[in-house]
């Protein structure tokens, strides 16, 4: 099922565009990417996974919403322009099929995201866009807002396309969560050879960060104690990193 986007979500997904080039892709249309509620749309719903060391390429169709909430009212949106995108895996580039990355209301655009990732992990996208609206019908559109936010999309990069666990290195070795599945709390461990800072992040399946903690780790095995009693039941992605190496694993919250 495709997601109907409110304005801010639509803005976030435009972050896959490049300022300097046009993507070699073909946008969808009202049949393949319908927008019955006129909230803006992106198709498909989610990004396919990537594999470290292998070329990644995926195209998107994006339709900007017609309205924008402004001073308690809704004004007519003319277009949105990408300013910056961060959070992509190292080695990735992004580009659109629109001149200057301007997305006019009522027109479908395509986006091409390509690259060869080098480090496995979870990569939530962060987008900055300029919003242009027609405040006065006889005058050109004016900039009414610059929005920076986090998209619901993320790219999961794995070492093995058939497994979620990523290749560990000698500098950071995973100790898989246990118990798993869990209902209240669980332990998530790791081993390090030299003292370093290690970070734990827990994401839901739409890429939203649900928990983060960093510790100063010493030689040997250490554990994060994770209290997930407030989480909904379901599947989560655990990421542990030390700035040089990262690995992920599945975490299942049971009733």
C-alpha atoms as a PDB file:
ATOM      1  CA  UNK A   1       0.000   0.000   0.000  1.00  0.00           C
ATOM      2  CA  UNK A   2       1.410   3.372  -0.985  1.00  0.00           C
ATOM      3  CA  UNK A   3       1.707   6.064   1.626  1.00  0.00           C
ATOM      4  CA  UNK A   4      -0.166   9.342   1.243  1.00  0.00           C
ATOM      5  CA  UNK A   5       2.173  12.109   2.273  1.00  0.00           C
ATOM      6  CA  UNK A   6       1.452  15.205   4.194  1.00  0.00           C
ATOM      7  CA  UNK A   7       3.550  18.162   3.193  1.00  0.00           C
ATOM      8  CA  UNK A   8       6.482  17.597   5.490  1.00  0.00           C
ATOM      9  CA  UNK A   9       6.867  13.947   4.511  1.00  0.00           C
ATOM     10  CA  UNK A  10       6.739  14.972   0.863  1.00  0.00           C
ATOM     11  CA  UNK A  11       9.498  17.455   1.509  1.00  0.00           C
ATOM     12  CA  UNK A  12      11.696  14.909   3.147  1.00  0.00           C
ATOM     13  CA  UNK A  13      11.516  12.505   0.266  1.00  0.00           C
ATOM     14  CA  UNK A  14      12.631  15.151  -2.198  1.00  0.00           C
ATOM     15  CA  UNK A  15      16.021  14.929  -0.537  1.00  0.00           C
ATOM     16  CA  UNK A  16      17.101  12.339  -3.060  1.00  0.00           C
ATOM     17  CA  UNK A  17      17.651  15.090  -5.674  1.00  0.00           C
ATOM     18  CA  UNK A  18      20.953  16.561  -6.824  1.00  0.00           C
ATOM     19  CA  UNK A  19      21.589  20.207  -7.609  1.00  0.00           C
ATOM     20  CA  UNK A  20      23.974  19.712 -10.507  1.00  0.00           C
ATOM     21  CA  UNK A  21      22.610  16.882 -12.639  1.00  0.00           C
ATOM     22  CA  UNK A  22      19.500  15.200 -14.061  1.00  0.00           C
ATOM     23  CA  UNK A  23      18.641  11.589 -13.334  1.00  0.00           C
ATOM     24  CA  UNK A  24      18.338   9.116 -16.184  1.00  0.00           C
ATOM     25  CA  UNK A  25      14.997   7.758 -15.025  1.00  0.00           C
ATOM     26  CA  UNK A  26      11.328   7.815 -16.034  1.00  0.00           C
ATOM     27  CA  UNK A  27       8.723   9.098 -13.550  1.00  0.00           C
ATOM     28  CA  UNK A  28       5.499   7.271 -12.811  1.00  0.00           C
ATOM     29  CA  UNK A  29       2.032   8.696 -13.366  1.00  0.00           C
ATOM     30  CA  UNK A  30      -1.435   8.881 -11.825  1.00  0.00           C
ATOM     31  CA  UNK A  31      -1.960   5.172 -12.523  1.00  0.00           C
ATOM     32  CA  UNK A  32       1.257   3.827 -11.031  1.00  0.00           C
ATOM     33  CA  UNK A  33       1.483   6.478  -8.273  1.00  0.00           C
ATOM     34  CA  UNK A  34      -2.034   7.815  -7.531  1.00  0.00           C
ATOM     35  CA  UNK A  35      -2.661  10.672  -5.082  1.00  0.00           C
ATOM     36  CA  UNK A  36      -6.409  10.531  -4.299  1.00  0.00           C
ATOM     37  CA  UNK A  37      -6.161  12.756  -1.204  1.00  0.00           C
ATOM     38  CA  UNK A  38      -3.916  15.344  -2.895  1.00  0.00           C
ATOM     39  CA  UNK A  39      -1.395  15.224  -0.054  1.00  0.00           C
ATOM     40  CA  UNK A  40       1.599  14.588  -2.302  1.00  0.00           C
ATOM     41  CA  UNK A  41       2.959  11.142  -3.040  1.00  0.00           C
ATOM     42  CA  UNK A  42       6.081   9.025  -3.349  1.00  0.00           C
ATOM     43  CA  UNK A  43       6.321   5.563  -4.904  1.00  0.00           C
ATOM     44  CA  UNK A  44       7.391   2.937  -3.981  1.00  0.00           C
ATOM     45  CA  UNK A  45       6.746   2.902  -0.224  1.00  0.00           C
ATOM     46  CA  UNK A  46      10.244   1.935   0.886  1.00  0.00           C
ATOM     47  CA  UNK A  47      13.845   1.734  -0.246  1.00  0.00           C
ATOM     48  CA  UNK A  48      15.323  -1.603  -1.210  1.00  0.00           C
ATOM     49  CA  UNK A  49      18.282  -2.775   0.842  1.00  0.00           C
ATOM     50  CA  UNK A  50      21.892  -2.352  -0.250  1.00  0.00           C
ATOM     51  CA  UNK A  51      24.876  -4.692   0.022  1.00  0.00           C
ATOM     52  CA  UNK A  52      28.344  -3.431   0.909  1.00  0.00           C
ATOM     53  CA  UNK A  53      30.669  -3.547  -2.092  1.00  0.00           C
ATOM     54  CA  UNK A  54      27.839  -3.881  -4.633  1.00  0.00           C
ATOM     55  CA  UNK A  55      26.424  -1.143  -6.868  1.00  0.00           C
ATOM     56  CA  UNK A  56      23.036   0.159  -5.684  1.00  0.00           C
ATOM     57  CA  UNK A  57      20.493   1.895  -7.930  1.00  0.00           C
ATOM     58  CA  UNK A  58      16.826   2.698  -7.334  1.00  0.00           C
ATOM     59  CA  UNK A  59      14.429   5.195  -8.908  1.00  0.00           C
ATOM     60  CA  UNK A  60      11.543   6.999  -7.204  1.00  0.00           C
ATOM     61  CA  UNK A  61       8.470   8.882  -8.375  1.00  0.00           C
ATOM     62  CA  UNK A  62       7.601  12.042  -6.431  1.00  0.00           C
ATOM     63  CA  UNK A  63       4.582  14.364  -6.638  1.00  0.00           C
ATOM     64  CA  UNK A  64       4.673  17.583  -4.582  1.00  0.00           C
ATOM     65  CA  UNK A  65       1.522  18.510  -2.591  1.00  0.00           C
ATOM     66  CA  UNK A  66      -0.510  21.558  -3.708  1.00  0.00           C
ATOM     67  CA  UNK A  67      -0.847  23.265  -0.310  1.00  0.00           C
ATOM     68  CA  UNK A  68       1.354  24.376   2.560  1.00  0.00           C
ATOM     69  CA  UNK A  69       0.324  25.274   6.165  1.00  0.00           C
ATOM     70  CA  UNK A  70       1.332  28.880   6.778  1.00  0.00           C
ATOM     71  CA  UNK A  71       0.341  31.185   9.686  1.00  0.00           C
ATOM     72  CA  UNK A  72      -2.640  29.024  10.571  1.00  0.00           C
ATOM     73  CA  UNK A  73      -3.894  28.833   7.004  1.00  0.00           C
ATOM     74  CA  UNK A  74      -3.119  26.784   3.887  1.00  0.00           C
ATOM     75  CA  UNK A  75      -1.494  28.649   1.017  1.00  0.00           C
ATOM     76  CA  UNK A  76      -0.934  27.536  -2.565  1.00  0.00           C
ATOM     77  CA  UNK A  77       2.412  25.866  -3.076  1.00  0.00           C
ATOM     78  CA  UNK A  78       4.247  26.690  -6.305  1.00  0.00           C
ATOM     79  CA  UNK A  79       7.289  24.433  -6.014  1.00  0.00           C
ATOM     80  CA  UNK A  80       9.939  23.086  -3.650  1.00  0.00           C
ATOM     81  CA  UNK A  81      13.701  23.134  -4.195  1.00  0.00           C
ATOM     82  CA  UNK A  82      16.242  20.807  -2.642  1.00  0.00           C
ATOM     83  CA  UNK A  83      19.000  22.474  -0.606  1.00  0.00           C
ATOM     84  CA  UNK A  84      20.866  19.556   0.945  1.00  0.00           C
ATOM     85  CA  UNK A  85      20.631  15.862   1.826  1.00  0.00           C
ATOM     86  CA  UNK A  86      22.687  14.110   4.498  1.00  0.00           C
ATOM     87  CA  UNK A  87      22.696  10.672   6.044  1.00  0.00           C
ATOM     88  CA  UNK A  88      23.317   8.715   2.833  1.00  0.00           C
ATOM     89  CA  UNK A  89      25.885   5.900   2.908  1.00  0.00           C
ATOM     90  CA  UNK A  90      29.395   6.915   1.932  1.00  0.00           C
ATOM     91  CA  UNK A  91      29.906   6.519  -1.801  1.00  0.00           C
ATOM     92  CA  UNK A  92      26.303   7.399  -2.754  1.00  0.00           C
ATOM     93  CA  UNK A  93      25.106  10.202  -5.029  1.00  0.00           C
ATOM     94  CA  UNK A  94      21.615  11.486  -5.798  1.00  0.00           C
ATOM     95  CA  UNK A  95      20.093  13.297  -8.754  1.00  0.00           C
ATOM     96  CA  UNK A  96      16.697  14.215 -10.180  1.00  0.00           C
ATOM     97  CA  UNK A  97      15.262  14.695 -13.650  1.00  0.00           C
ATOM     98  CA  UNK A  98      14.327  18.313 -12.864  1.00  0.00           C
ATOM     99  CA  UNK A  99      16.401  21.411 -13.743  1.00  0.00           C
ATOM    100  CA  UNK A 100      17.836  22.988 -10.581  1.00  0.00           C
ATOM    101  CA  UNK A 101      15.976  20.326  -8.571  1.00  0.00           C
ATOM    102  CA  UNK A 102      12.715  22.310  -8.653  1.00  0.00           C
ATOM    103  CA  UNK A 103       9.527  20.263  -8.237  1.00  0.00           C
ATOM    104  CA  UNK A 104       6.439  21.974  -9.539  1.00  0.00           C
ATOM    105  CA  UNK A 105       3.021  21.138  -8.127  1.00  0.00           C
ATOM    106  CA  UNK A 106       0.993  18.778 -10.320  1.00  0.00           C
ATOM    107  CA  UNK A 107       3.985  17.237 -12.111  1.00  0.00           C
ATOM    108  CA  UNK A 108       5.507  13.829 -11.495  1.00  0.00           C
ATOM    109  CA  UNK A 109       9.291  13.678 -11.127  1.00  0.00           C
ATOM    110  CA  UNK A 110      11.728  10.820 -10.800  1.00  0.00           C
ATOM    111  CA  UNK A 111      14.760  10.460  -8.555  1.00  0.00           C
ATOM    112  CA  UNK A 112      17.746   8.180  -8.994  1.00  0.00           C
ATOM    113  CA  UNK A 113      19.842   7.133  -6.002  1.00  0.00           C
ATOM    114  CA  UNK A 114      23.079   5.311  -6.827  1.00  0.00           C
ATOM    115  CA  UNK A 115      26.341   4.283  -5.234  1.00  0.00           C
ATOM    116  CA  UNK A 116      28.483   1.483  -3.893  1.00  0.00           C
ATOM    117  CA  UNK A 117      28.332   1.463  -0.082  1.00  0.00           C
ATOM    118  CA  UNK A 118      31.442   0.525   1.870  1.00  0.00           C
ATOM    119  CA  UNK A 119      30.137   0.233   5.449  1.00  0.00           C
ATOM    120  CA  UNK A 120      27.177  -1.823   6.614  1.00  0.00           C
ATOM    121  CA  UNK A 121      24.596  -0.184   8.850  1.00  0.00           C
ATOM    122  CA  UNK A 122      21.282   1.704   8.980  1.00  0.00           C
ATOM    123  CA  UNK A 123      21.248   5.117   7.251  1.00  0.00           C
ATOM    124  CA  UNK A 124      18.212   7.366   7.951  1.00  0.00           C
ATOM    125  CA  UNK A 125      17.944  10.276   5.491  1.00  0.00           C
ATOM    126  CA  UNK A 126      17.967  13.958   6.524  1.00  0.00           C
ATOM    127  CA  UNK A 127      16.674  16.573   4.076  1.00  0.00           C
ATOM    128  CA  UNK A 128      16.726  20.378   3.735  1.00  0.00           C
ATOM    129  CA  UNK A 129      14.428  22.064   1.196  1.00  0.00           C
ATOM    130  CA  UNK A 130      13.227  25.559   0.314  1.00  0.00           C
ATOM    131  CA  UNK A 131       9.450  26.062   0.044  1.00  0.00           C
ATOM    132  CA  UNK A 132       8.088  28.518  -2.553  1.00  0.00           C
ATOM    133  CA  UNK A 133       4.453  29.618  -2.516  1.00  0.00           C
ATOM    134  CA  UNK A 134       2.157  31.920  -4.523  1.00  0.00           C
ATOM    135  CA  UNK A 135       1.137  34.456  -1.888  1.00  0.00           C
ATOM    136  CA  UNK A 136       0.143  36.980  -4.537  1.00  0.00           C
ATOM    137  CA  UNK A 137      -1.333  35.670  -7.818  1.00  0.00           C
ATOM    138  CA  UNK A 138       0.215  38.386  -9.989  1.00  0.00           C
ATOM    139  CA  UNK A 139       3.711  38.153  -8.481  1.00  0.00           C
ATOM    140  CA  UNK A 140       6.401  35.446  -8.733  1.00  0.00           C
ATOM    141  CA  UNK A 141       6.491  32.777  -6.013  1.00  0.00           C
ATOM    142  CA  UNK A 142       8.435  33.699  -2.895  1.00  0.00           C
ATOM    143  CA  UNK A 143      10.423  31.687  -0.369  1.00  0.00           C
ATOM    144  CA  UNK A 144       8.239  31.120   2.704  1.00  0.00           C
ATOM    145  CA  UNK A 145      10.208  28.470   4.604  1.00  0.00           C
ATOM    146  CA  UNK A 146      13.346  26.372   4.742  1.00  0.00           C
ATOM    147  CA  UNK A 147      12.635  22.967   6.243  1.00  0.00           C
ATOM    148  CA  UNK A 148      15.121  20.467   7.637  1.00  0.00           C
ATOM    149  CA  UNK A 149      13.782  17.185   8.899  1.00  0.00           C
ATOM    150  CA  UNK A 150      14.299  13.421   8.933  1.00  0.00           C
ATOM    151  CA  UNK A 151      12.582  11.284   6.352  1.00  0.00           C
ATOM    152  CA  UNK A 152      10.807   8.071   7.297  1.00  0.00           C
ATOM    153  CA  UNK A 153      12.975   6.295   4.725  1.00  0.00           C
ATOM    154  CA  UNK A 154      16.285   4.655   5.520  1.00  0.00           C
ATOM    155  CA  UNK A 155      18.809   2.537   3.661  1.00  0.00           C
ATOM    156  CA  UNK A 156      19.862  -0.719   5.296  1.00  0.00           C
ATOM    157  CA  UNK A 157      23.312  -1.808   4.068  1.00  0.00           C
ATOM    158  CA  UNK A 158      24.284  -5.418   4.748  1.00  0.00           C
ATOM    159  CA  UNK A 159      27.364  -7.505   4.067  1.00  0.00           C
ATOM    160  CA  UNK A 160      25.334 -10.555   3.077  1.00  0.00           C
ATOM    161  CA  UNK A 161      22.087 -10.089   1.112  1.00  0.00           C
ATOM    162  CA  UNK A 162      20.672 -13.227   2.741  1.00  0.00           C
ATOM    163  CA  UNK A 163      21.306 -12.255   6.371  1.00  0.00           C
ATOM    164  CA  UNK A 164      20.774  -9.236   8.597  1.00  0.00           C
ATOM    165  CA  UNK A 165      23.983  -9.661  10.618  1.00  0.00           C
ATOM    166  CA  UNK A 166      26.849  -7.654   9.215  1.00  0.00           C
ATOM    167  CA  UNK A 167      30.484  -8.635   8.948  1.00  0.00           C
ATOM    168  CA  UNK A 168      32.261  -7.862  12.228  1.00  0.00           C
ATOM    169  CA  UNK A 169      35.864  -6.742  12.459  1.00  0.00           C
ATOM    170  CA  UNK A 170      38.502  -7.343  15.079  1.00  0.00           C
ATOM    171  CA  UNK A 171      37.934  -3.840  16.478  1.00  0.00           C
ATOM    172  CA  UNK A 172      34.234  -4.465  17.226  1.00  0.00           C
ATOM    173  CA  UNK A 173      32.694  -7.919  17.538  1.00  0.00           C
ATOM    174  CA  UNK A 174      28.947  -8.339  18.173  1.00  0.00           C
ATOM    175  CA  UNK A 175      27.357 -10.287  20.982  1.00  0.00           C
ATOM    176  CA  UNK A 176      23.804 -10.844  19.756  1.00  0.00           C
ATOM    177  CA  UNK A 177      20.853  -9.622  21.893  1.00  0.00           C
ATOM    178  CA  UNK A 178      19.540 -11.949  24.557  1.00  0.00           C
ATOM    179  CA  UNK A 179      16.877 -12.780  25.349  1.00  0.00           C
ATOM    180  CA  UNK A 180      15.537 -12.342  21.817  1.00  0.00           C
ATOM    181  CA  UNK A 181      12.552 -12.261  21.456  1.00  0.00           C
ATOM    182  CA  UNK A 182      12.063 -10.265  24.652  1.00  0.00           C
ATOM    183  CA  UNK A 183       9.073  -8.747  26.416  1.00  0.00           C
ATOM    184  CA  UNK A 184      10.551  -6.350  28.984  1.00  0.00           C
ATOM    185  CA  UNK A 185      14.293  -5.824  28.812  1.00  0.00           C
ATOM    186  CA  UNK A 186      17.240  -7.469  27.075  1.00  0.00           C
ATOM    187  CA  UNK A 187      21.035  -7.203  26.856  1.00  0.00           C
ATOM    188  CA  UNK A 188      22.915  -6.220  23.704  1.00  0.00           C
ATOM    189  CA  UNK A 189      26.629  -6.899  23.871  1.00  0.00           C
ATOM    190  CA  UNK A 190      29.910  -6.342  22.056  1.00  0.00           C
ATOM    191  CA  UNK A 191      33.626  -6.994  22.362  1.00  0.00           C
ATOM    192  CA  UNK A 192      36.400  -4.462  21.720  1.00  0.00           C
ATOM    193  CA  UNK A 193      40.167  -4.889  21.732  1.00  0.00           C
ATOM    194  CA  UNK A 194      41.082  -1.296  22.593  1.00  0.00           C
ATOM    195  CA  UNK A 195      39.193   1.335  24.645  1.00  0.00           C
ATOM    196  CA  UNK A 196      36.768   3.339  22.501  1.00  0.00           C
ATOM    197  CA  UNK A 197      33.324   4.907  22.481  1.00  0.00           C
ATOM    198  CA  UNK A 198      30.586   2.514  21.368  1.00  0.00           C
ATOM    199  CA  UNK A 199      27.080   3.630  20.401  1.00  0.00           C
ATOM    200  CA  UNK A 200      23.861   1.629  20.467  1.00  0.00           C
ATOM    201  CA  UNK A 201      20.916   2.693  18.271  1.00  0.00           C
ATOM    202  CA  UNK A 202      17.530   0.970  17.970  1.00  0.00           C
ATOM    203  CA  UNK A 203      15.338   1.706  14.916  1.00  0.00           C
ATOM    204  CA  UNK A 204      11.823   0.650  13.997  1.00  0.00           C
ATOM    205  CA  UNK A 205      11.102  -0.659  10.497  1.00  0.00           C
ATOM    206  CA  UNK A 206      10.284   2.783   9.071  1.00  0.00           C
ATOM    207  CA  UNK A 207      13.710   4.078  10.103  1.00  0.00           C
ATOM    208  CA  UNK A 208      12.675   6.070  13.167  1.00  0.00           C
ATOM    209  CA  UNK A 209      15.315   6.152  15.899  1.00  0.00           C
ATOM    210  CA  UNK A 210      13.674   4.812  19.071  1.00  0.00           C
ATOM    211  CA  UNK A 211      16.685   4.644  21.401  1.00  0.00           C
ATOM    212  CA  UNK A 212      20.325   5.739  21.473  1.00  0.00           C
ATOM    213  CA  UNK A 213      23.092   5.426  24.058  1.00  0.00           C
ATOM    214  CA  UNK A 214      26.895   5.744  24.017  1.00  0.00           C
ATOM    215  CA  UNK A 215      29.388   4.270  26.477  1.00  0.00           C
ATOM    216  CA  UNK A 216      33.149   4.438  26.981  1.00  0.00           C
ATOM    217  CA  UNK A 217      34.070   0.784  26.466  1.00  0.00           C
ATOM    218  CA  UNK A 218      37.148  -0.976  27.792  1.00  0.00           C
ATOM    219  CA  UNK A 219      38.946  -4.073  26.493  1.00  0.00           C
ATOM    220  CA  UNK A 220      36.775  -7.154  26.598  1.00  0.00           C
ATOM    221  CA  UNK A 221      33.031  -7.809  26.548  1.00  0.00           C
ATOM    222  CA  UNK A 222      30.469  -5.180  27.550  1.00  0.00           C
ATOM    223  CA  UNK A 223      26.684  -4.974  27.449  1.00  0.00           C
ATOM    224  CA  UNK A 224      24.001  -2.378  26.926  1.00  0.00           C
ATOM    225  CA  UNK A 225      20.931  -2.935  29.078  1.00  0.00           C
ATOM    226  CA  UNK A 226      17.913  -2.117  26.903  1.00  0.00           C
ATOM    227  CA  UNK A 227      14.473  -1.515  28.430  1.00  0.00           C
ATOM    228  CA  UNK A 228      11.874  -1.966  25.693  1.00  0.00           C
ATOM    229  CA  UNK A 229       8.718  -2.171  27.772  1.00  0.00           C
ATOM    230  CA  UNK A 230       7.261   0.952  26.133  1.00  0.00           C
ATOM    231  CA  UNK A 231       7.854  -0.308  22.596  1.00  0.00           C
ATOM    232  CA  UNK A 232       5.070  -1.844  20.541  1.00  0.00           C
ATOM    233  CA  UNK A 233       5.396  -5.513  19.698  1.00  0.00           C
ATOM    234  CA  UNK A 234       7.202  -6.209  16.435  1.00  0.00           C
ATOM    235  CA  UNK A 235      10.601  -6.251  14.730  1.00  0.00           C
ATOM    236  CA  UNK A 236      13.335  -3.672  15.402  1.00  0.00           C
ATOM    237  CA  UNK A 237      16.834  -3.112  14.019  1.00  0.00           C
ATOM    238  CA  UNK A 238      19.764  -2.795  16.446  1.00  0.00           C
ATOM    239  CA  UNK A 239      22.910  -0.982  15.316  1.00  0.00           C
ATOM    240  CA  UNK A 240      26.171  -0.884  17.284  1.00  0.00           C
ATOM    241  CA  UNK A 241      29.116   1.178  16.037  1.00  0.00           C
ATOM    242  CA  UNK A 242      32.440   2.586  17.229  1.00  0.00           C
ATOM    243  CA  UNK A 243      33.080   5.159  14.488  1.00  0.00           C
ATOM    244  CA  UNK A 244      35.052   2.715  12.332  1.00  0.00           C
ATOM    245  CA  UNK A 245      32.903  -0.412  12.279  1.00  0.00           C
ATOM    246  CA  UNK A 246      29.163  -1.026  12.578  1.00  0.00           C
ATOM    247  CA  UNK A 247      26.955  -4.068  12.684  1.00  0.00           C
ATOM    248  CA  UNK A 248      23.221  -4.660  12.923  1.00  0.00           C
ATOM    249  CA  UNK A 249      20.944  -7.420  14.136  1.00  0.00           C
ATOM    250  CA  UNK A 250      17.253  -8.135  14.484  1.00  0.00           C
ATOM    251  CA  UNK A 251      15.470  -7.523  17.788  1.00  0.00           C
ATOM    252  CA  UNK A 252      11.961  -8.883  18.328  1.00  0.00           C
ATOM    253  CA  UNK A 253       9.619  -7.368  20.916  1.00  0.00           C
ATOM    254  CA  UNK A 254       7.070  -9.967  22.036  1.00  0.00           C
ATOM    255  CA  UNK A 255       3.846  -9.392  23.961  1.00  0.00           C
END
